[in-house]
N, C-alpha and C. Protein backbone atom coordinates (compact mmCIF):
# COMPACT_ATOMS: atom_id res chain seq x y z
N MET A 1 -14.66 -24.49 6.37
CA MET A 1 -15.62 -23.48 5.98
C MET A 1 -15.06 -22.72 4.78
N LYS A 2 -15.82 -22.71 3.75
CA LYS A 2 -15.40 -22.07 2.50
C LYS A 2 -15.82 -20.61 2.48
N GLY A 3 -15.13 -19.81 1.65
CA GLY A 3 -15.49 -18.41 1.50
C GLY A 3 -15.04 -17.57 2.67
N SER A 4 -15.64 -16.43 2.80
CA SER A 4 -15.29 -15.49 3.85
C SER A 4 -15.70 -16.00 5.22
N ILE A 5 -14.84 -15.86 6.19
CA ILE A 5 -15.16 -16.25 7.56
C ILE A 5 -16.34 -15.43 8.08
N PHE A 6 -16.47 -14.19 7.59
CA PHE A 6 -17.55 -13.32 8.03
C PHE A 6 -18.92 -13.85 7.58
N SER A 7 -18.94 -14.55 6.47
CA SER A 7 -20.19 -15.14 5.99
C SER A 7 -20.38 -16.57 6.52
N SER A 8 -19.32 -17.35 6.52
CA SER A 8 -19.46 -18.77 6.85
C SER A 8 -19.81 -19.01 8.32
N LEU A 9 -19.29 -18.22 9.24
CA LEU A 9 -19.58 -18.45 10.66
C LEU A 9 -21.03 -18.17 11.02
N VAL A 10 -21.71 -17.34 10.24
CA VAL A 10 -23.10 -17.02 10.54
C VAL A 10 -24.08 -17.65 9.54
N SER A 11 -23.58 -18.57 8.74
CA SER A 11 -24.40 -19.28 7.77
C SER A 11 -25.39 -20.20 8.49
N ILE A 12 -26.60 -20.26 7.99
CA ILE A 12 -27.62 -21.13 8.58
C ILE A 12 -27.23 -22.59 8.43
N THR A 13 -26.67 -22.94 7.28
CA THR A 13 -26.36 -24.34 7.01
C THR A 13 -24.98 -24.77 7.50
N ASN A 14 -24.01 -23.86 7.52
CA ASN A 14 -22.65 -24.24 7.90
C ASN A 14 -22.07 -23.40 9.03
N GLY A 15 -22.89 -22.70 9.76
CA GLY A 15 -22.41 -21.74 10.75
C GLY A 15 -21.70 -22.35 11.94
N LEU A 16 -21.26 -21.47 12.80
CA LEU A 16 -20.53 -21.85 14.01
C LEU A 16 -21.32 -22.86 14.85
N HIS A 17 -22.62 -22.72 14.88
CA HIS A 17 -23.47 -23.62 15.67
C HIS A 17 -23.39 -25.07 15.20
N ARG A 18 -22.86 -25.29 14.01
CA ARG A 18 -22.73 -26.64 13.47
C ARG A 18 -21.33 -27.23 13.69
N ASP A 19 -20.44 -26.46 14.26
CA ASP A 19 -19.07 -26.93 14.48
C ASP A 19 -19.01 -27.71 15.79
N ASN A 20 -18.95 -29.02 15.67
CA ASN A 20 -18.95 -29.90 16.85
C ASN A 20 -17.58 -30.50 17.14
N ARG A 21 -16.53 -29.89 16.61
CA ARG A 21 -15.20 -30.43 16.85
C ARG A 21 -14.82 -30.28 18.32
N GLN A 22 -13.93 -31.13 18.76
CA GLN A 22 -13.48 -31.18 20.15
C GLN A 22 -12.31 -30.22 20.39
N GLU A 23 -12.06 -29.93 21.66
CA GLU A 23 -10.95 -29.06 22.06
C GLU A 23 -9.62 -29.57 21.50
N LYS A 24 -9.42 -30.90 21.51
CA LYS A 24 -8.16 -31.47 21.00
C LYS A 24 -7.98 -31.18 19.51
N ASP A 25 -9.09 -31.13 18.76
CA ASP A 25 -9.02 -30.81 17.33
C ASP A 25 -8.50 -29.39 17.13
N PHE A 26 -9.01 -28.45 17.93
CA PHE A 26 -8.57 -27.06 17.81
C PHE A 26 -7.12 -26.91 18.26
N LYS A 27 -6.71 -27.65 19.26
CA LYS A 27 -5.30 -27.62 19.69
C LYS A 27 -4.40 -28.09 18.56
N TYR A 28 -4.84 -29.13 17.84
CA TYR A 28 -4.09 -29.62 16.70
C TYR A 28 -4.00 -28.56 15.60
N PHE A 29 -5.12 -27.91 15.28
CA PHE A 29 -5.13 -26.85 14.26
C PHE A 29 -4.18 -25.72 14.64
N LEU A 30 -4.13 -25.41 15.92
CA LEU A 30 -3.28 -24.30 16.38
C LEU A 30 -1.80 -24.65 16.39
N SER A 31 -1.48 -25.94 16.39
CA SER A 31 -0.08 -26.36 16.52
C SER A 31 0.81 -25.82 15.40
N ASP A 32 0.29 -25.64 14.21
CA ASP A 32 1.11 -25.07 13.13
C ASP A 32 0.40 -23.90 12.45
N PHE A 33 -0.43 -23.20 13.19
CA PHE A 33 -1.17 -22.05 12.67
C PHE A 33 -0.25 -20.84 12.58
N LYS A 34 -0.27 -20.17 11.46
CA LYS A 34 0.54 -18.98 11.24
C LYS A 34 -0.34 -17.74 11.34
N LEU A 35 0.01 -16.84 12.24
CA LEU A 35 -0.72 -15.60 12.40
C LEU A 35 -0.13 -14.55 11.48
N ASN A 36 -0.97 -13.91 10.69
CA ASN A 36 -0.51 -12.86 9.78
C ASN A 36 -0.09 -11.62 10.57
N PRO A 37 0.84 -10.85 10.02
CA PRO A 37 1.18 -9.58 10.67
C PRO A 37 0.03 -8.59 10.50
N LYS A 38 0.00 -7.61 11.36
CA LYS A 38 -1.00 -6.55 11.25
C LYS A 38 -0.79 -5.82 9.93
N ALA A 39 -1.87 -5.46 9.25
CA ALA A 39 -1.79 -4.77 7.97
C ALA A 39 -1.07 -3.43 8.14
N ASN A 40 -0.16 -3.13 7.22
CA ASN A 40 0.61 -1.88 7.29
C ASN A 40 -0.26 -0.64 7.23
N ASN A 41 -1.37 -0.73 6.52
CA ASN A 41 -2.24 0.44 6.33
C ASN A 41 -3.36 0.52 7.37
N ALA A 42 -3.33 -0.33 8.38
CA ALA A 42 -4.39 -0.34 9.38
C ALA A 42 -4.41 0.95 10.19
N VAL A 43 -5.60 1.44 10.46
CA VAL A 43 -5.80 2.63 11.27
C VAL A 43 -6.27 2.24 12.67
N PHE A 44 -7.12 1.22 12.74
CA PHE A 44 -7.73 0.80 13.99
C PHE A 44 -7.16 -0.53 14.47
N LYS A 45 -7.31 -0.77 15.75
CA LYS A 45 -6.87 -2.02 16.36
C LYS A 45 -8.01 -2.54 17.25
N VAL A 46 -8.25 -3.84 17.21
CA VAL A 46 -9.27 -4.44 18.06
C VAL A 46 -8.63 -4.88 19.37
N ASN A 47 -9.16 -4.40 20.48
CA ASN A 47 -8.77 -4.87 21.80
C ASN A 47 -9.90 -5.74 22.30
N PHE A 48 -9.61 -7.01 22.53
CA PHE A 48 -10.65 -7.95 22.89
C PHE A 48 -10.11 -8.89 23.96
N LYS A 49 -11.00 -9.42 24.75
CA LYS A 49 -10.62 -10.35 25.81
C LYS A 49 -9.82 -11.51 25.24
N LYS A 50 -8.77 -11.89 25.96
CA LYS A 50 -7.91 -12.99 25.53
C LYS A 50 -8.70 -14.30 25.51
N PRO A 51 -8.53 -15.11 24.45
CA PRO A 51 -9.23 -16.40 24.39
C PRO A 51 -8.68 -17.36 25.44
N LEU A 52 -9.57 -18.07 26.12
CA LEU A 52 -9.13 -18.94 27.21
C LEU A 52 -9.24 -20.43 26.90
N ASN A 53 -9.57 -20.76 25.66
CA ASN A 53 -9.51 -22.16 25.25
C ASN A 53 -9.12 -22.23 23.77
N ALA A 54 -8.84 -23.43 23.30
CA ALA A 54 -8.33 -23.61 21.93
C ALA A 54 -9.34 -23.24 20.86
N LYS A 55 -10.62 -23.52 21.08
CA LYS A 55 -11.64 -23.18 20.08
C LYS A 55 -11.72 -21.67 19.90
N LYS A 56 -11.79 -20.93 20.99
CA LYS A 56 -11.84 -19.47 20.92
C LYS A 56 -10.58 -18.92 20.27
N GLU A 57 -9.43 -19.46 20.67
CA GLU A 57 -8.16 -18.99 20.12
C GLU A 57 -8.07 -19.26 18.63
N TYR A 58 -8.48 -20.45 18.21
CA TYR A 58 -8.44 -20.80 16.79
C TYR A 58 -9.29 -19.84 15.96
N TYR A 59 -10.54 -19.67 16.36
CA TYR A 59 -11.42 -18.79 15.59
C TYR A 59 -10.96 -17.33 15.66
N GLN A 60 -10.45 -16.90 16.80
CA GLN A 60 -9.96 -15.53 16.89
C GLN A 60 -8.81 -15.32 15.89
N LYS A 61 -7.93 -16.29 15.78
CA LYS A 61 -6.81 -16.17 14.85
C LYS A 61 -7.27 -16.22 13.39
N VAL A 62 -8.23 -17.08 13.08
CA VAL A 62 -8.76 -17.15 11.72
C VAL A 62 -9.41 -15.83 11.34
N ILE A 63 -10.22 -15.29 12.25
CA ILE A 63 -10.90 -14.01 12.00
C ILE A 63 -9.87 -12.88 11.88
N PHE A 64 -8.87 -12.88 12.77
CA PHE A 64 -7.81 -11.87 12.72
C PHE A 64 -7.10 -11.90 11.37
N ASN A 65 -6.72 -13.10 10.92
CA ASN A 65 -6.01 -13.23 9.65
C ASN A 65 -6.85 -12.70 8.49
N GLU A 66 -8.12 -13.07 8.45
CA GLU A 66 -8.96 -12.60 7.34
C GLU A 66 -9.15 -11.09 7.40
N THR A 67 -9.31 -10.56 8.61
CA THR A 67 -9.48 -9.12 8.77
C THR A 67 -8.24 -8.38 8.29
N GLU A 68 -7.07 -8.82 8.71
CA GLU A 68 -5.82 -8.17 8.30
C GLU A 68 -5.60 -8.30 6.79
N ASN A 69 -5.90 -9.46 6.23
CA ASN A 69 -5.77 -9.64 4.77
C ASN A 69 -6.70 -8.69 4.02
N THR A 70 -7.90 -8.51 4.54
CA THR A 70 -8.87 -7.62 3.89
C THR A 70 -8.40 -6.18 3.96
N VAL A 71 -7.94 -5.75 5.12
CA VAL A 71 -7.44 -4.38 5.27
C VAL A 71 -6.23 -4.16 4.35
N ALA A 72 -5.33 -5.12 4.32
CA ALA A 72 -4.14 -5.01 3.46
C ALA A 72 -4.54 -4.97 1.98
N SER A 73 -5.63 -5.64 1.61
CA SER A 73 -6.05 -5.69 0.20
C SER A 73 -6.62 -4.36 -0.28
N PHE A 74 -6.92 -3.44 0.64
CA PHE A 74 -7.43 -2.13 0.22
C PHE A 74 -6.46 -1.44 -0.73
N VAL A 75 -5.18 -1.64 -0.52
CA VAL A 75 -4.16 -1.01 -1.37
C VAL A 75 -4.34 -1.46 -2.82
N LYS A 76 -4.66 -2.75 -3.03
CA LYS A 76 -4.88 -3.27 -4.37
C LYS A 76 -6.22 -2.80 -4.94
N GLU A 77 -7.22 -2.67 -4.06
CA GLU A 77 -8.55 -2.24 -4.50
C GLU A 77 -8.57 -0.76 -4.92
N PHE A 78 -7.64 0.02 -4.37
CA PHE A 78 -7.58 1.45 -4.65
C PHE A 78 -6.17 1.81 -5.14
N PRO A 79 -5.80 1.34 -6.34
CA PRO A 79 -4.45 1.63 -6.83
C PRO A 79 -4.25 3.13 -7.07
N LYS A 80 -3.01 3.56 -6.97
CA LYS A 80 -2.69 4.98 -7.13
C LYS A 80 -3.07 5.53 -8.50
N ASN A 81 -3.05 4.66 -9.52
CA ASN A 81 -3.35 5.13 -10.88
C ASN A 81 -4.83 4.99 -11.26
N ALA A 82 -5.68 4.64 -10.30
CA ALA A 82 -7.12 4.50 -10.58
C ALA A 82 -7.78 5.87 -10.70
N THR A 83 -8.81 5.92 -11.50
CA THR A 83 -9.57 7.16 -11.65
C THR A 83 -10.55 7.28 -10.48
N THR A 84 -11.08 8.47 -10.28
CA THR A 84 -12.06 8.68 -9.21
C THR A 84 -13.28 7.79 -9.39
N PRO A 85 -13.86 7.67 -10.59
CA PRO A 85 -15.00 6.76 -10.75
C PRO A 85 -14.66 5.30 -10.40
N GLU A 86 -13.45 4.87 -10.75
CA GLU A 86 -13.04 3.50 -10.41
C GLU A 86 -12.95 3.32 -8.89
N ASN A 87 -12.40 4.32 -8.22
CA ASN A 87 -12.29 4.25 -6.76
C ASN A 87 -13.67 4.31 -6.10
N LYS A 88 -14.56 5.10 -6.65
CA LYS A 88 -15.93 5.16 -6.11
C LYS A 88 -16.61 3.79 -6.25
N TYR A 89 -16.38 3.15 -7.39
CA TYR A 89 -16.94 1.82 -7.63
C TYR A 89 -16.38 0.81 -6.63
N SER A 90 -15.06 0.81 -6.45
CA SER A 90 -14.42 -0.10 -5.49
C SER A 90 -14.95 0.14 -4.08
N TYR A 91 -15.08 1.41 -3.72
CA TYR A 91 -15.58 1.76 -2.40
C TYR A 91 -17.00 1.21 -2.20
N THR A 92 -17.85 1.42 -3.18
CA THR A 92 -19.24 0.96 -3.08
C THR A 92 -19.30 -0.56 -2.96
N LEU A 93 -18.50 -1.27 -3.75
CA LEU A 93 -18.48 -2.73 -3.68
C LEU A 93 -18.08 -3.21 -2.29
N LEU A 94 -17.01 -2.64 -1.75
CA LEU A 94 -16.53 -3.05 -0.43
C LEU A 94 -17.53 -2.67 0.66
N LEU A 95 -18.07 -1.48 0.58
CA LEU A 95 -19.05 -1.05 1.58
C LEU A 95 -20.28 -1.96 1.57
N ASN A 96 -20.73 -2.34 0.38
CA ASN A 96 -21.87 -3.26 0.28
C ASN A 96 -21.53 -4.63 0.88
N LYS A 97 -20.31 -5.09 0.65
CA LYS A 97 -19.88 -6.38 1.21
C LYS A 97 -19.87 -6.31 2.73
N PHE A 98 -19.29 -5.24 3.30
CA PHE A 98 -19.23 -5.11 4.76
C PHE A 98 -20.61 -4.89 5.36
N ASP A 99 -21.47 -4.19 4.63
CA ASP A 99 -22.86 -4.01 5.06
C ASP A 99 -23.55 -5.36 5.16
N LYS A 100 -23.33 -6.22 4.18
CA LYS A 100 -23.93 -7.56 4.20
C LYS A 100 -23.38 -8.37 5.38
N TYR A 101 -22.06 -8.32 5.59
CA TYR A 101 -21.48 -9.03 6.74
C TYR A 101 -22.16 -8.59 8.03
N LEU A 102 -22.27 -7.28 8.23
CA LEU A 102 -22.83 -6.75 9.48
C LEU A 102 -24.31 -7.12 9.63
N ASN A 103 -25.07 -7.04 8.55
CA ASN A 103 -26.48 -7.44 8.61
C ASN A 103 -26.62 -8.93 8.90
N ASP A 104 -25.79 -9.76 8.27
CA ASP A 104 -25.84 -11.21 8.50
C ASP A 104 -25.46 -11.55 9.94
N ILE A 105 -24.44 -10.89 10.46
CA ILE A 105 -24.02 -11.12 11.84
C ILE A 105 -25.12 -10.70 12.80
N SER A 106 -25.74 -9.56 12.54
CA SER A 106 -26.82 -9.07 13.38
C SER A 106 -27.99 -10.05 13.40
N THR A 107 -28.36 -10.55 12.23
CA THR A 107 -29.44 -11.52 12.13
C THR A 107 -29.10 -12.79 12.91
N TYR A 108 -27.88 -13.26 12.78
CA TYR A 108 -27.42 -14.47 13.48
C TYR A 108 -27.48 -14.25 14.99
N ILE A 109 -26.99 -13.11 15.45
CA ILE A 109 -27.00 -12.79 16.88
C ILE A 109 -28.44 -12.81 17.41
N ASN A 110 -29.35 -12.22 16.68
CA ASN A 110 -30.75 -12.17 17.13
C ASN A 110 -31.41 -13.54 17.09
N LYS A 111 -31.19 -14.30 16.03
CA LYS A 111 -31.84 -15.61 15.90
C LYS A 111 -31.26 -16.64 16.86
N ARG A 112 -29.97 -16.57 17.13
CA ARG A 112 -29.32 -17.59 17.97
C ARG A 112 -29.18 -17.14 19.43
N GLY A 113 -29.65 -15.94 19.74
CA GLY A 113 -29.60 -15.47 21.13
C GLY A 113 -28.18 -15.26 21.64
N ILE A 114 -27.30 -14.79 20.78
CA ILE A 114 -25.91 -14.52 21.17
C ILE A 114 -25.90 -13.34 22.14
N THR A 115 -25.16 -13.48 23.23
CA THR A 115 -25.06 -12.43 24.24
C THR A 115 -23.60 -12.03 24.45
N ALA A 116 -23.36 -11.18 25.42
CA ALA A 116 -22.00 -10.73 25.74
C ALA A 116 -21.36 -11.62 26.82
N ASP A 117 -21.91 -12.80 27.03
CA ASP A 117 -21.32 -13.75 27.98
C ASP A 117 -20.17 -14.47 27.30
N PHE A 118 -18.95 -13.98 27.53
CA PHE A 118 -17.78 -14.51 26.82
C PHE A 118 -17.30 -15.84 27.37
N ASN A 119 -17.92 -16.36 28.41
CA ASN A 119 -17.59 -17.70 28.89
C ASN A 119 -18.12 -18.74 27.92
N ASN A 120 -19.16 -18.40 27.18
CA ASN A 120 -19.72 -19.28 26.16
C ASN A 120 -18.91 -19.11 24.88
N ASP A 121 -18.43 -20.22 24.32
CA ASP A 121 -17.57 -20.18 23.14
C ASP A 121 -18.22 -19.46 21.96
N ASP A 122 -19.45 -19.83 21.62
CA ASP A 122 -20.11 -19.22 20.47
C ASP A 122 -20.31 -17.72 20.66
N ASN A 123 -20.70 -17.31 21.86
CA ASN A 123 -20.87 -15.88 22.14
C ASN A 123 -19.56 -15.13 21.94
N TYR A 124 -18.49 -15.69 22.47
CA TYR A 124 -17.17 -15.06 22.35
C TYR A 124 -16.79 -14.90 20.89
N ILE A 125 -16.90 -15.98 20.14
CA ILE A 125 -16.45 -15.99 18.73
C ILE A 125 -17.30 -15.05 17.88
N ILE A 126 -18.61 -15.08 18.04
CA ILE A 126 -19.48 -14.22 17.23
C ILE A 126 -19.28 -12.75 17.62
N ASN A 127 -19.05 -12.46 18.88
CA ASN A 127 -18.78 -11.08 19.27
C ASN A 127 -17.45 -10.59 18.72
N TYR A 128 -16.45 -11.46 18.67
CA TYR A 128 -15.17 -11.08 18.05
C TYR A 128 -15.36 -10.86 16.55
N LEU A 129 -16.15 -11.71 15.92
CA LEU A 129 -16.47 -11.55 14.50
C LEU A 129 -17.16 -10.21 14.27
N LYS A 130 -18.10 -9.88 15.12
CA LYS A 130 -18.85 -8.62 15.02
C LYS A 130 -17.91 -7.42 15.12
N VAL A 131 -17.05 -7.42 16.12
CA VAL A 131 -16.12 -6.30 16.31
C VAL A 131 -15.16 -6.19 15.13
N SER A 132 -14.74 -7.32 14.58
CA SER A 132 -13.83 -7.31 13.43
C SER A 132 -14.53 -6.76 12.18
N ALA A 133 -15.80 -7.11 11.99
CA ALA A 133 -16.56 -6.58 10.85
C ALA A 133 -16.79 -5.08 11.01
N LEU A 134 -17.06 -4.64 12.23
CA LEU A 134 -17.19 -3.21 12.49
C LEU A 134 -15.88 -2.50 12.14
N ARG A 135 -14.77 -3.13 12.49
CA ARG A 135 -13.47 -2.54 12.17
C ARG A 135 -13.27 -2.41 10.66
N LEU A 136 -13.65 -3.43 9.90
CA LEU A 136 -13.50 -3.36 8.43
C LEU A 136 -14.27 -2.18 7.86
N TYR A 137 -15.50 -2.02 8.32
CA TYR A 137 -16.34 -0.91 7.86
C TYR A 137 -15.67 0.42 8.20
N ALA A 138 -15.20 0.54 9.45
CA ALA A 138 -14.56 1.78 9.89
C ALA A 138 -13.25 2.04 9.15
N GLU A 139 -12.47 1.00 8.91
CA GLU A 139 -11.20 1.14 8.17
C GLU A 139 -11.47 1.66 6.77
N LEU A 140 -12.46 1.09 6.10
CA LEU A 140 -12.79 1.52 4.74
C LEU A 140 -13.19 2.99 4.74
N GLN A 141 -14.08 3.37 5.64
CA GLN A 141 -14.52 4.77 5.72
C GLN A 141 -13.35 5.71 6.00
N GLU A 142 -12.52 5.33 6.96
CA GLU A 142 -11.41 6.20 7.37
C GLU A 142 -10.39 6.38 6.25
N GLN A 143 -10.08 5.29 5.56
CA GLN A 143 -9.02 5.36 4.55
C GLN A 143 -9.51 5.85 3.19
N TYR A 144 -10.77 5.53 2.84
CA TYR A 144 -11.23 5.83 1.49
C TYR A 144 -12.61 6.48 1.45
N GLY A 145 -13.05 7.03 2.55
CA GLY A 145 -14.36 7.67 2.62
C GLY A 145 -14.54 8.83 1.68
N GLN A 146 -13.44 9.39 1.20
CA GLN A 146 -13.52 10.51 0.26
C GLN A 146 -14.14 10.10 -1.07
N PHE A 147 -14.26 8.78 -1.32
CA PHE A 147 -14.85 8.30 -2.57
C PHE A 147 -16.34 8.00 -2.43
N SER A 148 -16.94 8.52 -1.38
CA SER A 148 -18.38 8.31 -1.16
C SER A 148 -19.03 9.59 -0.68
N LYS A 149 -20.28 9.74 -1.06
CA LYS A 149 -21.07 10.88 -0.57
C LYS A 149 -21.83 10.50 0.69
N ASN A 150 -21.77 9.21 1.06
CA ASN A 150 -22.48 8.73 2.25
C ASN A 150 -21.88 9.35 3.51
N THR A 151 -22.70 9.45 4.53
CA THR A 151 -22.26 9.95 5.82
C THR A 151 -21.24 8.98 6.41
N LYS A 152 -20.17 9.52 6.96
CA LYS A 152 -19.20 8.69 7.67
C LYS A 152 -19.67 8.54 9.11
N PHE A 153 -19.56 7.32 9.62
CA PHE A 153 -20.00 7.02 10.97
C PHE A 153 -18.80 6.66 11.85
N SER A 154 -18.91 6.97 13.14
CA SER A 154 -17.91 6.51 14.10
C SER A 154 -18.16 5.01 14.35
N ILE A 155 -17.22 4.35 14.98
CA ILE A 155 -17.39 2.92 15.26
C ILE A 155 -18.63 2.70 16.13
N SER A 156 -18.83 3.54 17.13
CA SER A 156 -20.00 3.36 18.00
C SER A 156 -21.30 3.61 17.23
N GLU A 157 -21.29 4.52 16.27
CA GLU A 157 -22.48 4.75 15.44
C GLU A 157 -22.75 3.57 14.51
N ILE A 158 -21.69 2.96 14.00
CA ILE A 158 -21.85 1.77 13.16
C ILE A 158 -22.46 0.64 14.00
N ALA A 159 -21.94 0.47 15.21
CA ALA A 159 -22.46 -0.57 16.11
C ALA A 159 -23.93 -0.33 16.43
N GLU A 160 -24.28 0.91 16.66
CA GLU A 160 -25.68 1.24 16.96
C GLU A 160 -26.56 0.99 15.73
N LYS A 161 -26.05 1.34 14.55
CA LYS A 161 -26.81 1.18 13.31
C LYS A 161 -27.15 -0.29 13.04
N TYR A 162 -26.18 -1.18 13.24
CA TYR A 162 -26.38 -2.58 12.90
C TYR A 162 -26.83 -3.45 14.07
N PHE A 163 -26.43 -3.08 15.27
CA PHE A 163 -26.66 -3.96 16.43
C PHE A 163 -27.42 -3.30 17.58
N ASN A 164 -27.82 -2.05 17.39
CA ASN A 164 -28.46 -1.29 18.46
C ASN A 164 -27.57 -1.22 19.70
N ASP A 165 -26.26 -1.34 19.49
CA ASP A 165 -25.30 -1.19 20.59
C ASP A 165 -25.02 0.29 20.77
N GLU A 166 -25.28 0.79 21.93
CA GLU A 166 -25.03 2.21 22.17
C GLU A 166 -23.67 2.45 22.78
N LYS A 167 -23.07 1.39 23.29
CA LYS A 167 -21.71 1.53 23.83
C LYS A 167 -20.85 0.41 23.26
N LEU A 168 -19.63 0.76 22.95
CA LEU A 168 -18.71 -0.22 22.39
C LEU A 168 -17.32 0.14 22.80
């Protein structure tokens, strides 16, 4: 899957629903998979049910790595020598990207009937993707919200805004 995991897993043409690989394939992928360390600048942590098969574990690790890389990249996106207008621009670009991720995930959840039944592989993976995208939005607001006039939302408010989730 090319590009961002947040976009590719919910793609109509290449999404998770099209991944027909076997459990043995995911075990092979995991055999030399390197997990990135948690981003030094991270404020939030995702607590999620432990994956109970290789497919769930593989996708959880891929999503974790991309999430941590994105959070760590905030330091480059907001350099210390940047002007306020430059930081406002960076903030708006990232917020728009995360907004698109969350809207795309919400659309995918509604169209594919994704539920909170974590025994189903696709449900588990898409819900982990959703929580990770919510975290990116919250991390950006928490760390760099001063560069926006937009209202800052709590994680539960973000979930309600995009997914009509009232509890998270």
